[in-house]
Structures are given as structure tokens and as C-alpha cells.
Protein backbone atom coordinates (compact mmCIF):
# COMPACT_ATOMS: atom_id res chain seq x y z
CA UNK A 1 168.28 205.38 69.68
CA UNK A 2 164.81 205.48 68.37
CA UNK A 3 163.72 204.33 64.95
CA UNK A 4 160.68 205.80 63.17
CA UNK A 5 158.42 203.28 61.43
CA UNK A 6 155.99 204.27 58.69
CA UNK A 7 152.40 203.12 59.24
CA UNK A 8 150.93 200.85 56.64
CA UNK A 9 148.31 202.21 54.26
CA UNK A 10 144.74 200.95 54.83
CA UNK A 11 143.52 198.18 52.59
CA UNK A 12 140.59 200.30 51.36
CA UNK A 13 140.41 204.05 51.24
CA UNK A 14 137.56 206.04 52.80
CA UNK A 15 135.58 206.53 49.55
CA UNK A 16 135.77 202.86 48.71
CA UNK A 17 134.73 201.88 52.22
CA UNK A 18 131.81 204.30 52.07
CA UNK A 19 130.69 202.91 48.71
CA UNK A 20 130.92 199.33 49.98
CA UNK A 21 128.91 200.29 53.06
CA UNK A 22 126.17 201.86 50.94
CA UNK A 23 126.00 198.91 48.58
CA UNK A 24 125.86 196.54 51.55
CA UNK A 25 122.95 198.44 53.06
CA UNK A 26 121.14 198.40 49.75
CA UNK A 27 121.67 194.64 49.46
CA UNK A 28 120.45 194.15 53.02
CA UNK A 29 117.40 196.26 52.24
CA UNK A 30 116.58 194.17 49.15
CA UNK A 31 116.91 190.99 51.20
CA UNK A 32 114.60 192.41 53.88
CA UNK A 33 112.05 193.40 51.19
CA UNK A 34 112.09 189.85 49.82
CA UNK A 35 111.67 188.38 53.32
CA UNK A 36 108.90 190.85 54.09
CA UNK A 37 106.96 189.93 50.91
CA UNK A 38 107.29 186.24 51.74
CA UNK A 39 106.09 186.91 55.28
CA UNK A 40 103.14 188.86 53.90
CA UNK A 41 102.20 186.04 51.56
CA UNK A 42 102.55 183.50 54.39
CA UNK A 43 100.28 185.47 56.75
CA UNK A 44 97.65 186.41 54.18
CA UNK A 45 97.35 182.83 52.91
CA UNK A 46 97.05 181.32 56.37
CA UNK A 47 94.46 178.56 56.63
CA UNK A 48 93.67 176.66 59.87
CA UNK A 49 93.25 173.33 58.03
CA UNK A 50 96.81 173.33 56.66
CA UNK A 51 99.09 170.59 58.04
CA UNK A 52 101.35 171.86 60.84
CA UNK A 53 102.95 170.68 64.06
CA UNK A 54 99.56 171.18 65.77
CA UNK A 55 97.38 169.37 63.19
CA UNK A 56 98.13 166.26 61.17
CA UNK A 57 96.17 165.99 57.91
CA UNK A 58 96.63 164.70 54.41
CA UNK A 59 94.92 167.73 52.81
CA UNK A 60 96.98 169.73 50.34
CA UNK A 61 98.74 172.79 51.70
CA UNK A 62 96.98 176.03 50.82
CA UNK A 63 99.67 178.33 52.14
CA UNK A 64 101.85 179.89 49.44
CA UNK A 65 105.02 179.20 51.47
CA UNK A 66 104.36 175.46 51.70
CA UNK A 67 104.61 173.29 54.80
CA UNK A 68 107.16 175.56 56.48
CA UNK A 69 105.03 178.64 55.94
CA UNK A 70 101.89 176.85 57.16
CA UNK A 71 103.66 175.70 60.35
CA UNK A 72 105.09 179.17 61.14
CA UNK A 73 101.77 180.90 60.39
CA UNK A 74 99.83 178.48 62.64
CA UNK A 75 102.19 179.19 65.56
CA UNK A 76 102.16 182.98 65.12
CA UNK A 77 98.37 183.13 64.74
CA UNK A 78 97.86 181.04 67.82
CA UNK A 79 99.97 183.46 69.88
CA UNK A 80 99.18 186.97 68.61
CA UNK A 81 96.54 186.36 65.92
CA UNK A 82 96.32 188.99 63.17
CA UNK A 83 98.94 191.00 65.03
CA UNK A 84 101.37 188.91 62.99
CA UNK A 85 100.90 191.42 60.17
CA UNK A 86 103.20 193.68 62.20
CA UNK A 87 106.11 191.38 61.34
CA UNK A 88 105.56 191.76 57.61
CA UNK A 89 105.01 195.55 57.81
CA UNK A 90 108.10 196.06 59.96
CA UNK A 91 110.40 193.97 57.75
CA UNK A 92 109.18 195.62 54.50
CA UNK A 93 109.43 199.12 56.03
CA UNK A 94 113.02 198.74 57.16
CA UNK A 95 114.00 197.01 53.96
CA UNK A 96 112.71 200.05 52.05
CA UNK A 97 114.65 202.41 54.34
CA UNK A 98 117.89 200.49 53.87
CA UNK A 99 117.44 200.47 50.11
CA UNK A 100 116.71 204.21 49.88
CA UNK A 101 119.19 205.23 52.61
CA UNK A 102 116.51 207.03 54.57
CA UNK A 103 117.03 206.77 58.36
CA UNK A 104 118.67 203.36 58.35
CA UNK A 105 120.93 204.50 61.20
CA UNK A 106 117.89 204.52 63.52
CA UNK A 107 117.11 200.85 63.01
CA UNK A 108 118.66 199.49 66.24
CA UNK A 109 117.20 202.17 68.52
CA UNK A 110 113.70 201.72 67.09
CA UNK A 111 113.48 197.97 66.64
CA UNK A 112 113.86 197.50 70.38
CA UNK A 113 110.19 198.55 70.75
CA UNK A 114 108.95 196.12 68.09
CA UNK A 115 107.55 193.57 70.62
CA UNK A 116 105.49 196.33 72.26
CA UNK A 117 104.02 197.25 68.89
CA UNK A 118 103.17 193.62 68.14
CA UNK A 119 101.45 193.32 71.54
CA UNK A 120 99.37 196.45 70.86
CA UNK A 121 98.37 195.09 67.45
CA UNK A 122 97.32 191.80 69.07
CA UNK A 123 95.19 193.64 71.63
CA UNK A 124 93.54 195.78 68.98
CA UNK A 125 92.73 192.65 66.91
CA UNK A 126 91.29 191.00 70.04
CA UNK A 127 88.79 193.87 70.45
CA UNK A 128 87.28 193.13 67.01
CA UNK A 129 84.40 190.68 66.60
CA UNK A 130 85.45 187.52 64.72
CA UNK A 131 83.38 186.07 61.90
CA UNK A 132 81.51 182.78 61.90
CA UNK A 133 84.17 180.97 59.89
CA UNK A 134 86.91 182.05 62.32
CA UNK A 135 84.87 181.05 65.37
CA UNK A 136 84.13 177.64 63.84
CA UNK A 137 87.80 176.78 63.27
CA UNK A 138 89.53 178.58 66.17
CA UNK A 139 89.18 178.46 69.93
CA UNK A 140 90.59 181.99 70.36
CA UNK A 141 89.81 185.44 68.97
CA UNK A 142 91.42 187.48 66.26
CA UNK A 143 94.20 188.57 68.65
CA UNK A 144 95.32 185.06 69.53
CA UNK A 145 95.74 183.68 73.02
CA UNK A 146 97.87 186.63 74.12
CA UNK A 147 95.35 189.21 72.97
CA UNK A 148 92.37 187.46 74.57
CA UNK A 149 94.18 187.07 77.92
CA UNK A 150 95.44 190.64 78.20
CA UNK A 151 92.15 192.10 76.94
CA UNK A 152 90.16 190.21 79.54
CA UNK A 153 92.49 191.51 82.25
CA UNK A 154 92.22 195.13 81.08
CA UNK A 155 88.43 194.93 80.85
CA UNK A 156 88.32 193.71 84.44
CA UNK A 157 90.33 196.73 85.55
CA UNK A 158 88.04 199.31 83.93
CA UNK A 159 85.01 200.45 85.99
CA UNK A 160 82.66 200.42 82.99
CA UNK A 161 80.40 197.84 81.48
CA UNK A 162 81.66 195.17 79.12
CA UNK A 163 80.38 196.87 75.95
CA UNK A 164 81.67 200.33 76.80
CA UNK A 165 84.99 198.94 78.06
CA UNK A 166 85.50 196.99 74.87
CA UNK A 167 84.82 200.03 72.66
CA UNK A 168 87.04 202.26 74.75
CA UNK A 169 89.92 199.77 74.72
CA UNK A 170 89.52 199.31 70.96
CA UNK A 171 89.83 203.08 70.39
CA UNK A 172 92.84 203.38 72.73
CA UNK A 173 94.64 200.39 71.22
CA UNK A 174 94.09 201.70 67.71
CA UNK A 175 95.68 205.06 68.54
CA UNK A 176 98.60 203.48 70.40
CA UNK A 177 99.20 200.99 67.60
CA UNK A 178 99.52 203.80 65.04
CA UNK A 179 101.79 205.94 67.20
CA UNK A 180 104.10 203.13 68.30
CA UNK A 181 104.12 201.68 64.79
CA UNK A 182 105.36 204.98 63.32
CA UNK A 183 108.11 205.10 65.96
CA UNK A 184 109.14 201.49 65.35
CA UNK A 185 109.25 202.02 61.59
CA UNK A 186 111.79 204.85 62.08
CA UNK A 187 109.58 207.87 61.33
CA UNK A 188 111.16 211.20 62.29
CA UNK A 189 109.56 214.54 63.11
CA UNK A 190 110.42 215.98 59.70
CA UNK A 191 108.90 212.98 57.93
CA UNK A 192 105.76 213.24 60.05
CA UNK A 193 105.38 216.93 59.16
CA UNK A 194 105.85 216.19 55.48
CA UNK A 195 103.31 213.36 55.68
CA UNK A 196 100.81 215.59 57.51
CA UNK A 197 101.31 218.35 54.94
CA UNK A 198 100.86 215.88 52.10
CA UNK A 199 97.66 214.54 53.66
CA UNK A 200 96.30 218.04 54.29
CA UNK A 201 97.04 219.22 50.74
CA UNK A 202 95.58 216.00 49.37
CA UNK A 203 92.36 216.49 51.33
CA UNK A 204 92.06 220.13 50.22
CA UNK A 205 92.73 219.32 46.57
CA UNK A 206 90.30 216.44 46.69
CA UNK A 207 87.63 218.72 48.12
CA UNK A 208 88.37 221.40 45.49
CA UNK A 209 88.21 218.84 42.69
CA UNK A 210 84.96 217.43 44.01
CA UNK A 211 83.46 220.92 44.30
CA UNK A 212 84.62 221.84 40.78
CA UNK A 213 83.07 218.67 39.43
CA UNK A 214 79.82 219.49 41.20
CA UNK A 215 79.95 223.06 39.84
CA UNK A 216 80.57 221.85 36.29
CA UNK A 217 77.80 219.32 36.64
CA UNK A 218 75.38 221.95 37.91
CA UNK A 219 76.45 224.41 35.20
CA UNK A 220 76.10 221.77 32.52
CA UNK A 221 72.69 220.79 33.82
CA UNK A 222 71.60 224.45 33.88
CA UNK A 223 72.87 225.03 30.33
CA UNK A 224 71.21 221.85 29.17
CA UNK A 225 67.91 222.87 30.73
CA UNK A 226 68.17 226.37 29.24
CA UNK A 227 69.03 224.95 25.84
CA UNK A 228 66.12 222.55 26.05
CA UNK A 229 63.79 225.36 27.11
CA UNK A 230 64.97 227.67 24.32
CA UNK A 231 64.73 224.84 21.83
CA UNK A 232 61.15 224.10 22.85
CA UNK A 233 60.24 227.79 22.70
CA UNK A 234 61.87 228.17 19.29
CA UNK A 235 60.03 225.12 18.02
CA UNK A 236 56.70 226.47 19.28
CA UNK A 237 57.43 229.89 17.78
CA UNK A 238 58.37 228.42 14.39
CA UNK A 239 55.26 226.28 14.50
CA UNK A 240 53.07 229.32 15.26
CA UNK A 241 54.70 231.30 12.44
CA UNK A 242 54.15 228.41 10.03
CA UNK A 243 50.50 228.20 11.02
CA UNK A 244 50.10 231.98 10.56
CA UNK A 245 51.69 231.78 7.10
CA UNK A 246 49.43 228.88 6.11
CA UNK A 247 46.35 230.79 7.35
CA UNK A 248 47.39 233.93 5.43
CA UNK A 249 48.04 231.91 2.28
CA UNK A 250 44.65 230.17 2.59
CA UNK A 251 42.95 233.54 3.11
CA UNK A 252 44.65 234.95 0.00
CA UNK A 253 43.55 231.94 -2.05
CA UNK A 254 39.98 232.27 -0.80
CA UNK A 255 39.96 235.99 -1.58
CA UNK A 256 41.35 235.38 -5.07
CA UNK A 257 38.69 232.68 -5.68
CA UNK A 258 35.87 235.06 -4.64
CA UNK A 259 37.06 237.94 -6.83
CA UNK A 260 36.37 237.06 -10.54
CA UNK A 261 37.06 239.90 -13.00
CA UNK A 262 34.22 240.56 -15.54
CA UNK A 263 34.84 239.27 -19.05
CA UNK A 264 35.14 242.00 -21.70
CA UNK A 265 32.25 242.13 -24.16
CA UNK A 266 33.09 241.57 -27.79
CA UNK A 267 31.36 243.82 -30.28
CA UNK A 268 30.58 242.54 -33.72
CA UNK A 269 31.13 244.92 -36.54
CA UNK A 270 29.44 244.66 -39.85
CA UNK A 271 31.53 244.67 -43.00
CA UNK A 272 30.43 247.11 -45.66
CA UNK A 273 28.80 245.28 -48.50
CA UNK A 274 29.62 245.54 -52.08
CA UNK A 275 26.19 246.94 -52.82
CA UNK A 276 27.11 250.01 -50.73
CA UNK A 277 29.51 250.95 -53.45
CA UNK A 278 26.72 251.12 -56.03
CA UNK A 279 24.70 254.24 -56.08
CA UNK A 280 21.39 252.58 -56.84
CA UNK A 281 21.56 249.43 -54.56
CA UNK A 282 18.30 248.32 -52.96
CA UNK A 283 17.85 248.76 -49.18
CA UNK A 284 18.11 245.80 -46.77
CA UNK A 285 17.32 245.07 -43.22
CA UNK A 286 19.96 245.68 -40.48
CA UNK A 287 21.70 242.67 -38.89
CA UNK A 288 20.89 241.88 -35.28
CA UNK A 289 23.58 242.62 -32.66
CA UNK A 290 25.36 239.62 -31.15
CA UNK A 291 25.26 239.05 -27.39
CA UNK A 292 28.61 239.44 -25.54
CA UNK A 293 30.41 236.19 -24.64
CA UNK A 294 32.34 235.91 -21.34
CA UNK A 295 36.01 235.05 -21.78
CA UNK A 296 37.37 231.96 -19.98
CA UNK A 297 40.30 233.89 -18.51
CA UNK A 298 40.50 237.50 -17.30
CA UNK A 299 41.97 239.84 -19.90
CA UNK A 300 42.30 243.59 -20.13
CA UNK A 301 39.30 245.24 -21.70
CA UNK A 302 40.01 246.59 -25.21
CA UNK A 303 39.61 250.23 -25.84
CA UNK A 304 36.22 251.03 -27.36
CA UNK A 305 36.39 252.29 -30.90
CA UNK A 306 33.95 254.78 -32.34
CA UNK A 307 31.24 253.20 -34.38
CA UNK A 308 31.26 254.05 -38.03
CA UNK A 309 27.94 254.86 -39.53
CA UNK A 310 26.89 253.44 -42.86
CA UNK A 311 23.87 252.82 -44.91
CA UNK A 312 21.28 250.19 -44.44
CA UNK A 313 23.01 247.91 -46.90
CA UNK A 314 26.19 247.93 -44.73
CA UNK A 315 24.28 246.16 -41.93
CA UNK A 316 22.86 243.41 -44.12
CA UNK A 317 23.77 239.96 -42.71
CA UNK A 318 23.98 238.48 -46.17
CA UNK A 319 27.17 240.44 -46.92
CA UNK A 320 28.99 240.27 -43.51
CA UNK A 321 30.98 237.08 -44.29
CA UNK A 322 32.46 238.52 -47.43
CA UNK A 323 36.01 237.06 -47.48
CA UNK A 324 37.32 239.18 -50.29
CA UNK A 325 37.14 242.93 -49.70
CA UNK A 326 37.46 243.64 -53.38
CA UNK A 327 34.33 243.41 -55.54
CA UNK A 328 33.96 240.60 -57.98
CA UNK A 329 35.04 241.44 -61.50
CA UNK A 330 31.73 240.49 -63.00
CA UNK A 331 29.87 242.90 -60.74
CA UNK A 332 32.10 245.96 -60.86
CA UNK A 333 34.05 247.08 -63.81
CA UNK A 334 36.46 249.83 -62.89
CA UNK A 335 37.70 250.52 -66.34
CA UNK A 336 35.72 252.76 -68.61
CA UNK A 337 35.27 251.28 -72.08
CA UNK A 338 33.23 253.98 -73.50
CA UNK A 339 30.13 253.36 -75.48
CA UNK A 340 30.99 249.79 -76.50
CA UNK A 341 28.20 247.86 -78.11
CA UNK A 342 28.71 244.87 -75.75
CA UNK A 343 28.54 246.92 -72.49
CA UNK A 344 25.60 245.72 -70.33
CA UNK A 345 23.00 248.19 -69.39
CA UNK A 346 21.80 249.23 -65.97
CA UNK A 347 18.94 246.74 -66.00
CA UNK A 348 21.25 243.84 -66.64
CA UNK A 349 23.59 244.93 -63.77
CA UNK A 350 20.67 245.15 -61.34
CA UNK A 351 19.56 241.65 -62.34
CA UNK A 352 23.03 240.23 -61.72
CA UNK A 353 23.23 241.89 -58.29
CA UNK A 354 19.85 240.46 -57.32
CA UNK A 355 20.91 236.96 -58.46
CA UNK A 356 24.13 237.21 -56.41
CA UNK A 357 22.21 238.29 -53.32
CA UNK A 358 19.76 235.38 -53.69
CA UNK A 359 22.56 232.85 -54.22
CA UNK A 360 24.37 233.66 -50.91
CA UNK A 361 23.22 232.00 -47.73
CA UNK A 362 22.81 234.35 -44.78
CA UNK A 363 24.92 233.41 -41.67
CA UNK A 364 23.27 232.12 -38.51
CA UNK A 365 23.31 233.84 -35.10
CA UNK A 366 25.85 231.32 -33.64
CA UNK A 367 28.35 232.14 -36.37
CA UNK A 368 27.86 235.84 -35.80
CA UNK A 369 28.58 235.39 -32.01
CA UNK A 370 31.88 233.51 -32.37
CA UNK A 371 33.24 235.54 -35.30
CA UNK A 372 35.12 238.77 -34.73
CA UNK A 373 35.73 240.98 -37.72
CA UNK A 374 38.82 243.20 -38.00
CA UNK A 375 38.29 246.66 -36.55
CA UNK A 376 40.52 248.55 -39.00
CA UNK A 377 38.53 247.61 -42.15
CA UNK A 378 37.96 250.73 -44.28
CA UNK A 379 34.48 251.54 -45.47
CA UNK A 380 34.31 252.65 -49.11
């Protein structure tokens, strides 16, 4: 008789196991990144004078990883030289893949070829010429003892000279180091295509940006030169126009200074004397005409008035400055008093007129020139 037994449930379900696996890979990747950064610091701060198992000295340790880092770096550099950087690159690369879950399943199949990659890196470093400081402190080249030994063997196998063989081996080792390094770091075909596309697009965009910058620079320079040229031309044109305006203004001033309008002549008119009103007044000499005086400023010429004719007594200079147009009361009596006994006779009137003429001083020629009598004075 057979009994059926129920299988026990697993301790962790599939989702939980998958989550734990992912978190474990991420933790392993973080640990590898930390180890890779420490390895990088140890290799980059390597100094041949640090105390190690090959050199005993009391000098302070210059390596960032202390005595342990100085001892490991001295051993690695003595064997493969600067090919030791492959350790740091490989550890950091796989730590990044484990953290991002990108191709971590290929780690075992790719890390098998890690020693080959380190050997290629050592050979490539051995083909480089070391500096004076390295030659003074080391008895081997940049590729360590392994790189110098293998390089010397390969150069002996090539049928070329030493210089050409060294350059050819350097080029070959550089290409092999890149190819094997990409394989060891877990690069796939898809990733290589994406990287090539990214590099190609980056080169094209860089070239386009550089060309656009050159075009903008050339355009800006052309605009600047055109603006400078137009500015200079505008300045010269404005200067020429200003000079033409100044010349025209100076010519107008000179023409206005040469043209002086003639001053209008002032005519002196004689005032009719009081004697002209008497029927029996004695005759007198005519007054001389005054010379015209030029006016200080140009003025419109007055309209000439027709000269009024009068007797000889109207031109007498002794009666021109008569201020009062009316006759004096003692000379002319307009009212008729009849045959009064006290009325003076004609002889007495003539005597008074003669005395009045003698008592007045005749005006000089200067006074006649500057004096202008009113033109609308009626002659009676």
C-alpha cells in the first residue's frame, strides 16, 4: 500500500529569491567599485622610494594605501609595469556592470582572458620610451620585467630594424589591447554598435557645431566690417555736408556785408512864416537846402511828397523854428474893433514886425540838417 507525501514548500518563493539575487549582485558590484577605486589610487600614487619588501627605508610612505599599498604596487610594477592599470580598469568595469545589471552573467566567461589582456598592456607599455626620472629609479622599462623580456624576444623574431620593429609592435599591441580589453570587460556586439553610433554622431555634431561657430564668427566679422565701413562713410559724408553748410553760410554773410542799401535822403521843409499872412510883409532871402544825411540802418525810402510853393518870406530861415503855428497876439489881431481910437496904425504894426524879426536869432546849418519838420503842416 502506497502512501502519498506532500512536498514541503520552499523557504523562499521565486520572486523573493530573484530580488535577493539582484540585491546581492548590486552589493557585489558596489564592493568591486570600492576595491577598484582603491586599486586605482594605489597604482597612481606608486613611488619607487616607498618602503616595501624590496626596499627598507625610514622615509614616509607616499602611497595613499599606506605600507600595504606601497608593497603591492612595488611588486606589480616590477612584474608588468604600468600594465597594472588593467587590474583597476577591470575591477571597476565589472563592478559597474554588476551594479547596473548589464551583462553580469558574462563575467566568468570573459574574466578567463584577463591575464592575456594584462600581458598585452605590459607589452604596449614596454614599447613606450621611459622618462629620465623613471630610468633613474628603475632598472626596467615601463612594462616591467615581463614586458621587457617578451618585447625583446618579439623584436628578435621580426626581420626589420630595431626602430621599425619597435614602432610596428607598439601599433599592434595597442590595437590588440583595445580589442581584448573590450572583450574582457564584457562588451557585446549590441553595445559596440551603440558605442560606435554614439561616437559617430558625436563627431558629426562636433564638426557641425565647429562649422556653425566658424560661420557665425565669419558673419559677425563681415557685419562688423560693413558696419565700420558704413560708419566711416557716414561720418565723412556728414563732415562734408557740414563743411558745405559752413561755406554757404560764410558766403551768405560775405554777400550781405558787401551789399549795403543806400540811406534815404531827408528833405527839409520850410515852415510858412507869420509874415506870409500879412499882405504887406517885406521880402526875405530863401533858406539854403540841407544836405541829405545817411541813416545808420537801412530803412524803406519814404514816398516823396509834392513840394508846396510859397512866397519868399516862407523860405526865410529866421522863421523856420517857429514852435507855435499860431501868430502871437500882439502881432495879429483877428477881431475887428472898428475905428477905436487906441487901434495902432499900419506904421506901428510894421515897426513891431521889424523889431520881432531883428530879435530872433537865425538857426545854424547844423540845426537845419538834424531837424525834420512835419510834412502835413498847412500853409496859410
